[in-house]
PDB file of N, CA and C in Angstrom:
ATOM      1  N   MET A   1      -5.318  15.751   8.024  1.00  0.00           N
ATOM      2  CA  MET A   1      -4.452  16.895   7.896  1.00  0.00           C
ATOM      3  C   MET A   1      -2.832  16.032   7.633  1.00  0.00           C
ATOM      4  N   ILE A   2      -2.777  14.890   8.244  1.00  0.00           N
ATOM      5  CA  ILE A   2      -1.455  14.593   7.834  1.00  0.00           C
ATOM      6  C   ILE A   2      -1.486  13.778   6.319  1.00  0.00           C
ATOM      7  N   GLU A   3      -3.056  13.308   6.132  1.00  0.00           N
ATOM      8  CA  GLU A   3      -3.266  12.572   4.265  1.00  0.00           C
ATOM      9  C   GLU A   3      -2.474  13.702   3.433  1.00  0.00           C
ATOM     10  N   VAL A   4      -2.572  14.939   3.424  1.00  0.00           N
ATOM     11  CA  VAL A   4      -2.360  16.287   2.772  1.00  0.00           C
ATOM     12  C   VAL A   4      -0.713  16.572   2.354  1.00  0.00           C
ATOM     13  N   ILE A   5       0.140  16.447   3.589  1.00  0.00           N
ATOM     14  CA  ILE A   5       1.405  16.674   3.725  1.00  0.00           C
ATOM     15  C   ILE A   5       1.953  15.007   3.819  1.00  0.00           C
ATOM     16  N   ARG A   6       2.694  14.550   2.707  1.00  0.00           N
ATOM     17  CA  ARG A   6       3.858  13.118   2.718  1.00  0.00           C
ATOM     18  C   ARG A   6       4.837  13.080   3.789  1.00  0.00           C
ATOM     19  N   LYS A   7       5.783  14.164   2.776  1.00  0.00           N
ATOM     20  CA  LYS A   7       6.870  14.020   3.938  1.00  0.00           C
ATOM     21  C   LYS A   7       7.902  15.503   3.447  1.00  0.00           C
ATOM     22  N   PRO A   8       8.686  16.371   4.153  1.00  0.00           N
ATOM     23  CA  PRO A   8       9.631  17.037   3.956  1.00  0.00           C
ATOM     24  C   PRO A   8      10.419  16.671   3.025  1.00  0.00           C
ATOM     25  N   ILE A   9      11.142  17.351   2.035  1.00  0.00           N
ATOM     26  CA  ILE A   9      12.093  17.357   1.140  1.00  0.00           C
ATOM     27  C   ILE A   9      13.623  17.753   1.119  1.00  0.00           C
ATOM     28  N   ILE A  10      14.371  16.885   1.725  1.00  0.00           N
ATOM     29  CA  ILE A  10      15.661  17.408   2.359  1.00  0.00           C
ATOM     30  C   ILE A  10      16.504  17.228   1.339  1.00  0.00           C
ATOM     31  N   THR A  11      16.784  18.291   0.695  1.00  0.00           N
ATOM     32  CA  THR A  11      18.066  18.264  -0.185  1.00  0.00           C
ATOM     33  C   THR A  11      18.562  19.789  -0.067  1.00  0.00           C
ATOM     34  N   GLU A  12      19.692  19.691  -0.949  1.00  0.00           N
ATOM     35  CA  GLU A  12      20.852  20.803  -0.661  1.00  0.00           C
ATOM     36  C   GLU A  12      19.923  21.920  -1.237  1.00  0.00           C
ATOM     37  N   LYS A  13      18.996  22.162  -2.136  1.00  0.00           N
ATOM     38  CA  LYS A  13      18.069  23.250  -2.869  1.00  0.00           C
ATOM     39  C   LYS A  13      17.446  23.593  -1.479  1.00  0.00           C
ATOM     40  N   ALA A  14      16.494  22.889  -1.125  1.00  0.00           N
ATOM     41  CA  ALA A  14      15.488  23.117   0.263  1.00  0.00           C
ATOM     42  C   ALA A  14      15.977  23.451   1.240  1.00  0.00           C
ATOM     43  N   MET A  15      17.608  22.658   1.381  1.00  0.00           N
ATOM     44  CA  MET A  15      17.686  23.293   3.116  1.00  0.00           C
ATOM     45  C   MET A  15      18.290  24.971   2.351  1.00  0.00           C
ATOM     46  N   LYS A  16      19.108  25.382   1.489  1.00  0.00           N
ATOM     47  CA  LYS A  16      19.211  26.762   1.376  1.00  0.00           C
ATOM     48  C   LYS A  16      17.959  27.665   1.235  1.00  0.00           C
ATOM     49  N   LEU A  17      16.586  27.146   0.563  1.00  0.00           N
ATOM     50  CA  LEU A  17      15.511  28.020   0.969  1.00  0.00           C
ATOM     51  C   LEU A  17      15.263  27.902   2.167  1.00  0.00           C
ATOM     52  N   GLY A  18      15.634  26.978   3.610  1.00  0.00           N
ATOM     53  CA  GLY A  18      15.287  27.098   4.514  1.00  0.00           C
ATOM     54  C   GLY A  18      15.910  28.370   5.290  1.00  0.00           C
ATOM     55  N   GLU A  19      16.907  29.231   4.613  1.00  0.00           N
ATOM     56  CA  GLU A  19      17.461  30.291   5.044  1.00  0.00           C
ATOM     57  C   GLU A  19      16.356  31.531   5.113  1.00  0.00           C
ATOM     58  N   GLN A  20      15.634  31.271   3.743  1.00  0.00           N
ATOM     59  CA  GLN A  20      14.526  32.055   3.904  1.00  0.00           C
ATOM     60  C   GLN A  20      13.340  32.128   3.830  1.00  0.00           C
ATOM     61  N   ARG A  21      13.127  31.269   5.035  1.00  0.00           N
ATOM     62  CA  ARG A  21      11.899  31.187   5.596  1.00  0.00           C
ATOM     63  C   ARG A  21      10.914  29.730   4.911  1.00  0.00           C
ATOM     64  N   GLN A  22      11.451  29.520   3.723  1.00  0.00           N
ATOM     65  CA  GLN A  22      11.097  28.667   2.477  1.00  0.00           C
ATOM     66  C   GLN A  22      10.866  27.075   3.110  1.00  0.00           C
ATOM     67  N   TYR A  23      10.639  26.087   2.759  1.00  0.00           N
ATOM     68  CA  TYR A  23      10.412  24.974   3.083  1.00  0.00           C
ATOM     69  C   TYR A  23       9.736  24.281   2.223  1.00  0.00           C
ATOM     70  N   VAL A  24       9.967  22.748   1.410  1.00  0.00           N
ATOM     71  CA  VAL A  24       9.550  22.280   0.905  1.00  0.00           C
ATOM     72  C   VAL A  24       9.006  21.014   1.066  1.00  0.00           C
ATOM     73  N   PHE A  25       7.902  20.301   0.621  1.00  0.00           N
ATOM     74  CA  PHE A  25       7.424  19.394   1.280  1.00  0.00           C
ATOM     75  C   PHE A  25       6.405  18.582   0.349  1.00  0.00           C
ATOM     76  N   GLU A  26       6.651  17.180   0.151  1.00  0.00           N
ATOM     77  CA  GLU A  26       5.314  16.028  -0.903  1.00  0.00           C
ATOM     78  C   GLU A  26       4.210  16.067  -0.198  1.00  0.00           C
ATOM     79  N   VAL A  27       3.309  16.617  -0.762  1.00  0.00           N
ATOM     80  CA  VAL A  27       2.074  16.401  -0.760  1.00  0.00           C
ATOM     81  C   VAL A  27       0.936  15.948  -1.744  1.00  0.00           C
ATOM     82  N   ASP A  28      -0.072  15.504  -1.101  1.00  0.00           N
ATOM     83  CA  ASP A  28      -1.085  14.780  -2.117  1.00  0.00           C
ATOM     84  C   ASP A  28      -1.633  15.273  -3.171  1.00  0.00           C
ATOM     85  N   PRO A  29      -1.114  15.147  -4.724  1.00  0.00           N
ATOM     86  CA  PRO A  29      -1.594  15.603  -5.561  1.00  0.00           C
ATOM     87  C   PRO A  29      -2.499  16.264  -5.817  1.00  0.00           C
ATOM     88  N   LYS A  30      -3.732  15.526  -4.752  1.00  0.00           N
ATOM     89  CA  LYS A  30      -5.717  16.032  -4.870  1.00  0.00           C
ATOM     90  C   LYS A  30      -5.461  17.453  -3.739  1.00  0.00           C
ATOM     91  N   ALA A  31      -4.499  17.531  -3.402  1.00  0.00           N
ATOM     92  CA  ALA A  31      -4.649  18.575  -2.195  1.00  0.00           C
ATOM     93  C   ALA A  31      -4.238  20.185  -2.833  1.00  0.00           C
ATOM     94  N   ASN A  32      -5.020  20.920  -2.536  1.00  0.00           N
ATOM     95  CA  ASN A  32      -4.940  22.652  -2.756  1.00  0.00           C
ATOM     96  C   ASN A  32      -3.987  23.295  -1.931  1.00  0.00           C
ATOM     97  N   LYS A  33      -4.080  24.513  -2.281  1.00  0.00           N
ATOM     98  CA  LYS A  33      -3.163  25.189  -1.711  1.00  0.00           C
ATOM     99  C   LYS A  33      -3.552  25.746  -0.043  1.00  0.00           C
ATOM    100  N   ILE A  34      -4.951  25.562   0.157  1.00  0.00           N
ATOM    101  CA  ILE A  34      -5.768  26.077   1.225  1.00  0.00           C
ATOM    102  C   ILE A  34      -5.071  25.057   2.203  1.00  0.00           C
ATOM    103  N   GLN A  35      -5.621  23.957   1.492  1.00  0.00           N
ATOM    104  CA  GLN A  35      -4.848  22.459   2.499  1.00  0.00           C
ATOM    105  C   GLN A  35      -4.576  22.423   3.017  1.00  0.00           C
ATOM    106  N   ILE A  36      -3.136  23.049   1.998  1.00  0.00           N
ATOM    107  CA  ILE A  36      -1.893  22.735   2.475  1.00  0.00           C
ATOM    108  C   ILE A  36      -1.347  23.558   3.357  1.00  0.00           C
ATOM    109  N   LYS A  37      -1.673  24.798   3.742  1.00  0.00           N
ATOM    110  CA  LYS A  37      -1.119  25.964   4.486  1.00  0.00           C
ATOM    111  C   LYS A  37      -1.933  25.492   5.854  1.00  0.00           C
ATOM    112  N   GLN A  38      -3.678  24.952   5.330  1.00  0.00           N
ATOM    113  CA  GLN A  38      -4.039  24.895   7.022  1.00  0.00           C
ATOM    114  C   GLN A  38      -3.396  23.564   7.793  1.00  0.00           C
ATOM    115  N   ALA A  39      -2.936  22.453   6.551  1.00  0.00           N
ATOM    116  CA  ALA A  39      -1.978  21.196   7.217  1.00  0.00           C
ATOM    117  C   ALA A  39      -0.629  21.938   7.944  1.00  0.00           C
ATOM    118  N   VAL A  40      -0.067  22.556   7.048  1.00  0.00           N
ATOM    119  CA  VAL A  40       1.086  23.105   7.893  1.00  0.00           C
ATOM    120  C   VAL A  40       1.293  23.971   8.767  1.00  0.00           C
ATOM    121  N   GLU A  41      -0.122  24.691   9.103  1.00  0.00           N
ATOM    122  CA  GLU A  41      -0.103  25.829  10.235  1.00  0.00           C
ATOM    123  C   GLU A  41      -0.600  24.692  11.570  1.00  0.00           C
ATOM    124  N   LYS A  42      -1.015  23.619  11.269  1.00  0.00           N
ATOM    125  CA  LYS A  42      -1.703  23.005  12.264  1.00  0.00           C
ATOM    126  C   LYS A  42      -0.497  21.773  12.948  1.00  0.00           C
ATOM    127  N   MET A  43       0.249  21.215  11.680  1.00  0.00           N
ATOM    128  CA  MET A  43       1.224  20.254  12.245  1.00  0.00           C
ATOM    129  C   MET A  43       2.498  20.965  13.077  1.00  0.00           C
ATOM    130  N   PHE A  44       2.980  22.259  12.317  1.00  0.00           N
ATOM    131  CA  PHE A  44       4.312  22.405  13.068  1.00  0.00           C
ATOM    132  C   PHE A  44       3.622  23.688  13.799  1.00  0.00           C
ATOM    133  N   GLU A  45       2.875  24.454  14.231  1.00  0.00           N
ATOM    134  CA  GLU A  45       2.480  25.662  14.971  1.00  0.00           C
ATOM    135  C   GLU A  45       3.079  26.659  14.830  1.00  0.00           C
ATOM    136  N   VAL A  46       2.902  27.372  13.106  1.00  0.00           N
ATOM    137  CA  VAL A  46       3.640  28.146  12.683  1.00  0.00           C
ATOM    138  C   VAL A  46       3.209  28.930  11.730  1.00  0.00           C
ATOM    139  N   LYS A  47       2.644  30.294  11.532  1.00  0.00           N
ATOM    140  CA  LYS A  47       2.096  31.183  10.347  1.00  0.00           C
ATOM    141  C   LYS A  47       2.523  31.101   9.164  1.00  0.00           C
ATOM    142  N   VAL A  48       1.823  30.775   8.068  1.00  0.00           N
ATOM    143  CA  VAL A  48       1.923  30.434   6.633  1.00  0.00           C
ATOM    144  C   VAL A  48       1.947  31.844   5.970  1.00  0.00           C
ATOM    145  N   GLU A  49       2.720  31.975   4.979  1.00  0.00           N
ATOM    146  CA  GLU A  49       2.657  33.571   4.400  1.00  0.00           C
ATOM    147  C   GLU A  49       2.078  33.416   3.489  1.00  0.00           C
ATOM    148  N   SER A  50       2.553  32.243   2.474  1.00  0.00           N
ATOM    149  CA  SER A  50       2.409  32.013   1.308  1.00  0.00           C
ATOM    150  C   SER A  50       2.430  30.439   1.001  1.00  0.00           C
ATOM    151  N   VAL A  51       2.073  29.949  -0.353  1.00  0.00           N
ATOM    152  CA  VAL A  51       2.021  28.573  -1.137  1.00  0.00           C
ATOM    153  C   VAL A  51       2.495  28.332  -2.071  1.00  0.00           C
ATOM    154  N   ARG A  52       3.749  27.774  -2.597  1.00  0.00           N
ATOM    155  CA  ARG A  52       3.710  27.733  -4.089  1.00  0.00           C
ATOM    156  C   ARG A  52       3.311  25.981  -4.195  1.00  0.00           C
ATOM    157  N   THR A  53       2.933  25.630  -5.176  1.00  0.00           N
ATOM    158  CA  THR A  53       2.816  24.256  -5.759  1.00  0.00           C
ATOM    159  C   THR A  53       3.535  23.771  -7.097  1.00  0.00           C
ATOM    160  N   VAL A  54       4.122  22.821  -7.262  1.00  0.00           N
ATOM    161  CA  VAL A  54       4.762  22.121  -8.324  1.00  0.00           C
ATOM    162  C   VAL A  54       3.960  20.740  -8.945  1.00  0.00           C
ATOM    163  N   ARG A  55       3.501  20.630  -9.514  1.00  0.00           N
ATOM    164  CA  ARG A  55       3.407  19.080 -10.305  1.00  0.00           C
ATOM    165  C   ARG A  55       4.783  18.720 -10.888  1.00  0.00           C
ATOM    166  N   VAL A  56       4.850  17.894 -10.331  1.00  0.00           N
ATOM    167  CA  VAL A  56       6.294  16.669 -11.454  1.00  0.00           C
ATOM    168  C   VAL A  56       5.839  15.563 -11.894  1.00  0.00           C
ATOM    169  N   LYS A  57       5.600  15.906 -13.340  1.00  0.00           N
ATOM    170  CA  LYS A  57       5.777  14.281 -13.893  1.00  0.00           C
ATOM    171  C   LYS A  57       6.494  13.298 -13.528  1.00  0.00           C
ATOM    172  N   GLY A  58       6.133  12.087 -13.797  1.00  0.00           N
ATOM    173  CA  GLY A  58       6.556  10.850 -13.483  1.00  0.00           C
ATOM    174  C   GLY A  58       7.356  10.762 -14.660  1.00  0.00           C
ATOM    175  N   LYS A  59       8.467   9.860 -14.508  1.00  0.00           N
ATOM    176  CA  LYS A  59       9.567   9.826 -15.253  1.00  0.00           C
ATOM    177  C   LYS A  59       9.489   8.151 -16.245  1.00  0.00           C
ATOM    178  N   VAL A  60       9.791   7.944 -17.379  1.00  0.00           N
ATOM    179  CA  VAL A  60       9.366   6.585 -18.046  1.00  0.00           C
ATOM    180  C   VAL A  60      10.798   5.810 -17.780  1.00  0.00           C
ATOM    181  N   ARG A  61      10.721   4.834 -17.166  1.00  0.00           N
ATOM    182  CA  ARG A  61      11.461   3.604 -16.569  1.00  0.00           C
ATOM    183  C   ARG A  61      11.595   2.510 -17.786  1.00  0.00           C
ATOM    184  N   ARG A  62      12.951   1.680 -18.078  1.00  0.00           N
ATOM    185  CA  ARG A  62      12.305   0.802 -18.605  1.00  0.00           C
ATOM    186  C   ARG A  62      13.704  -0.176 -17.611  1.00  0.00           C
ATOM    187  N   ARG A  63      13.060  -1.693 -17.972  1.00  0.00           N
ATOM    188  CA  ARG A  63      14.196  -2.772 -17.946  1.00  0.00           C
ATOM    189  C   ARG A  63      14.486  -3.704 -18.703  1.00  0.00           C
ATOM    190  N   PHE A  64      14.914  -3.834 -19.100  1.00  0.00           N
ATOM    191  CA  PHE A  64      15.424  -5.094 -20.059  1.00  0.00           C
ATOM    192  C   PHE A  64      15.673  -6.298 -19.148  1.00  0.00           C
ATOM    193  N   THR A  65      14.519  -7.404 -19.549  1.00  0.00           N
ATOM    194  CA  THR A  65      14.719  -8.786 -19.304  1.00  0.00           C
ATOM    195  C   THR A  65      14.600  -9.836 -20.128  1.00  0.00           C
ATOM    196  N   ARG A  66      14.206 -11.423 -19.814  1.00  0.00           N
ATOM    197  CA  ARG A  66      14.547 -12.189 -20.635  1.00  0.00           C
ATOM    198  C   ARG A  66      13.422 -11.820 -21.695  1.00  0.00           C
ATOM    199  N   ARG A  67      11.571 -11.600 -21.658  1.00  0.00           N
ATOM    200  CA  ARG A  67      10.998 -11.506 -22.024  1.00  0.00           C
ATOM    201  C   ARG A  67      10.999 -10.314 -23.019  1.00  0.00           C
ATOM    202  N   GLY A  68      11.826  -9.088 -23.119  1.00  0.00           N
ATOM    203  CA  GLY A  68      11.748  -8.098 -23.648  1.00  0.00           C
ATOM    204  C   GLY A  68      12.174  -6.655 -22.844  1.00  0.00           C
ATOM    205  N   VAL A  69      11.800  -5.970 -23.866  1.00  0.00           N
ATOM    206  CA  VAL A  69      11.458  -4.437 -22.374  1.00  0.00           C
ATOM    207  C   VAL A  69      10.272  -4.266 -21.942  1.00  0.00           C
ATOM    208  N   MET A  70      10.601  -3.772 -20.756  1.00  0.00           N
ATOM    209  CA  MET A  70       9.553  -3.781 -20.122  1.00  0.00           C
ATOM    210  C   MET A  70       9.196  -1.694 -19.715  1.00  0.00           C
ATOM    211  N   LEU A  71       8.093  -1.306 -20.194  1.00  0.00           N
ATOM    212  CA  LEU A  71       8.452   0.193 -19.956  1.00  0.00           C
ATOM    213  C   LEU A  71       7.344   0.161 -18.648  1.00  0.00           C
ATOM    214  N   GLY A  72       7.581   1.102 -17.673  1.00  0.00           N
ATOM    215  CA  GLY A  72       6.768   1.800 -16.612  1.00  0.00           C
ATOM    216  C   GLY A  72       7.005   3.265 -16.639  1.00  0.00           C
ATOM    217  N   ARG A  73       6.126   4.061 -15.607  1.00  0.00           N
ATOM    218  CA  ARG A  73       6.337   5.020 -15.028  1.00  0.00           C
ATOM    219  C   ARG A  73       6.232   5.388 -13.754  1.00  0.00           C
ATOM    220  N   THR A  74       6.900   6.366 -13.211  1.00  0.00           N
ATOM    221  CA  THR A  74       7.071   6.394 -11.623  1.00  0.00           C
ATOM    222  C   THR A  74       5.712   7.255 -11.528  1.00  0.00           C
ATOM    223  N   PRO A  75       5.113   7.295 -10.433  1.00  0.00           N
ATOM    224  CA  PRO A  75       3.945   8.151  -9.949  1.00  0.00           C
ATOM    225  C   PRO A  75       3.903   9.869 -10.472  1.00  0.00           C
ATOM    226  N   LEU A  76       2.967  10.272 -10.497  1.00  0.00           N
ATOM    227  CA  LEU A  76       3.025  12.005 -10.558  1.00  0.00           C
ATOM    228  C   LEU A  76       3.171  12.317  -8.930  1.00  0.00           C
ATOM    229  N   ARG A  77       3.887  13.493  -8.663  1.00  0.00           N
ATOM    230  CA  ARG A  77       4.311  14.002  -7.423  1.00  0.00           C
ATOM    231  C   ARG A  77       3.605  15.312  -7.282  1.00  0.00           C
ATOM    232  N   LYS A  78       3.746  16.050  -6.289  1.00  0.00           N
ATOM    233  CA  LYS A  78       3.616  17.714  -5.828  1.00  0.00           C
ATOM    234  C   LYS A  78       4.108  17.958  -5.148  1.00  0.00           C
ATOM    235  N   LYS A  79       4.527  18.668  -5.505  1.00  0.00           N
ATOM    236  CA  LYS A  79       5.488  19.870  -4.175  1.00  0.00           C
ATOM    237  C   LYS A  79       4.936  21.133  -3.817  1.00  0.00           C
ATOM    238  N   ALA A  80       5.007  21.094  -2.466  1.00  0.00           N
ATOM    239  CA  ALA A  80       4.548  22.548  -2.372  1.00  0.00           C
ATOM    240  C   ALA A  80       5.839  23.349  -1.654  1.00  0.00           C
ATOM    241  N   TYR A  81       5.969  24.485  -2.003  1.00  0.00           N
ATOM    242  CA  TYR A  81       6.781  25.627  -1.374  1.00  0.00           C
ATOM    243  C   TYR A  81       6.227  26.546  -0.608  1.00  0.00           C
ATOM    244  N   VAL A  82       6.184  26.042   0.360  1.00  0.00           N
ATOM    245  CA  VAL A  82       5.798  27.008   2.023  1.00  0.00           C
ATOM    246  C   VAL A  82       6.714  28.076   2.405  1.00  0.00           C
ATOM    247  N   THR A  83       6.203  29.559   2.374  1.00  0.00           N
ATOM    248  CA  THR A  83       6.835  30.639   3.076  1.00  0.00           C
ATOM    249  C   THR A  83       6.271  30.887   3.928  1.00  0.00           C
ATOM    250  N   LEU A  84       6.745  31.113   5.543  1.00  0.00           N
ATOM    251  CA  LEU A  84       6.251  31.134   6.663  1.00  0.00           C
ATOM    252  C   LEU A  84       6.550  32.827   6.962  1.00  0.00           C
ATOM    253  N   LYS A  85       5.876  32.977   7.488  1.00  0.00           N
ATOM    254  CA  LYS A  85       6.142  34.563   8.284  1.00  0.00           C
ATOM    255  C   LYS A  85       6.992  34.667   9.367  1.00  0.00           C
ATOM    256  N   GLU A  86       7.624  36.454   9.303  1.00  0.00           N
ATOM    257  CA  GLU A  86       8.633  36.606   9.766  1.00  0.00           C
ATOM    258  C   GLU A  86       8.401  35.877  11.464  1.00  0.00           C
ATOM    259  N   GLY A  87       9.757  35.678  11.749  1.00  0.00           N
ATOM    260  CA  GLY A  87       9.763  35.528  12.963  1.00  0.00           C
ATOM    261  C   GLY A  87       9.600  33.670  12.881  1.00  0.00           C
ATOM    262  N   TYR A  88       8.960  32.994  12.419  1.00  0.00           N
ATOM    263  CA  TYR A  88       8.304  31.517  12.536  1.00  0.00           C
ATOM    264  C   TYR A  88       9.842  30.564  11.795  1.00  0.00           C
ATOM    265  N   SER A  89      10.262  29.285  12.189  1.00  0.00           N
ATOM    266  CA  SER A  89      10.932  29.053  11.187  1.00  0.00           C
ATOM    267  C   SER A  89      10.394  26.944  11.990  1.00  0.00           C
ATOM    268  N   ILE A  90      10.911  26.017  11.089  1.00  0.00           N
ATOM    269  CA  ILE A  90      10.392  24.609  11.319  1.00  0.00           C
ATOM    270  C   ILE A  90      11.649  24.068  11.351  1.00  0.00           C
ATOM    271  N   GLU A  91      11.889  22.975  12.261  1.00  0.00           N
ATOM    272  CA  GLU A  91      13.091  22.538  12.636  1.00  0.00           C
ATOM    273  C   GLU A  91      12.679  20.697  11.821  1.00  0.00           C
ATOM    274  N   LEU A  92      13.487  20.848  10.664  1.00  0.00           N
ATOM    275  CA  LEU A  92      12.873  19.369  10.056  1.00  0.00           C
ATOM    276  C   LEU A  92      13.980  18.577  10.411  1.00  0.00           C
ATOM    277  N   VAL A  93      15.271  18.509  10.126  1.00  0.00           N
ATOM    278  CA  VAL A  93      16.416  17.669  10.410  1.00  0.00           C
ATOM    279  C   VAL A  93      17.037  17.950  11.880  1.00  0.00           C
ATOM    280  N   SER A  94      16.488  16.373  12.920  1.00  0.00           N
ATOM    281  CA  SER A  94      16.447  16.823  13.883  1.00  0.00           C
ATOM    282  C   SER A  94      18.083  16.306  14.086  1.00  0.00           C
ATOM    283  N   GLY A  95      18.686  16.476  15.041  1.00  0.00           N
ATOM    284  CA  GLY A  95      19.689  15.503  15.450  1.00  0.00           C
ATOM    285  C   GLY A  95      21.276  15.970  14.272  1.00  0.00           C
ATOM    286  N   ALA A  96      21.104  16.897  13.521  1.00  0.00           N
ATOM    287  CA  ALA A  96      21.435  17.780  12.855  1.00  0.00           C
ATOM    288  C   ALA A  96      22.857  18.188  13.550  1.00  0.00           C
ATOM    289  N   GLU A  97      24.215  17.979  13.177  1.00  0.00           N
ATOM    290  CA  GLU A  97      25.306  18.897  13.828  1.00  0.00           C
ATOM    291  C   GLU A  97      25.220  20.304  13.231  1.00  0.00           C
ATOM    292  N   THR A  98      25.728  21.089  14.552  1.00  0.00           N
ATOM    293  CA  THR A  98      25.353  22.691  14.072  1.00  0.00           C
ATOM    294  C   THR A  98      27.242  23.380  14.418  1.00  0.00           C
TER     295      THR A  98
END
């Protein structure tokens, strides 16, 4: 299950979604919604209502070197938007001031 969820995404937008019982995770690109749901329920001991996934394409990166321009790409990522059932929540940021 640990291989399915790579890390939580902690951005301003993701934190606003937390107020609506939605949390964002970076997941393995080969994982499906059922595997993501099972992993979140087992890892955080919560009940999941729904899972939405987004595949984020890698960006093209250019470097200018002595040999000329070198082109490369960042890897493909997959994000999962997980909505929890009523009454459940996940504490993603520990040590945050309230």
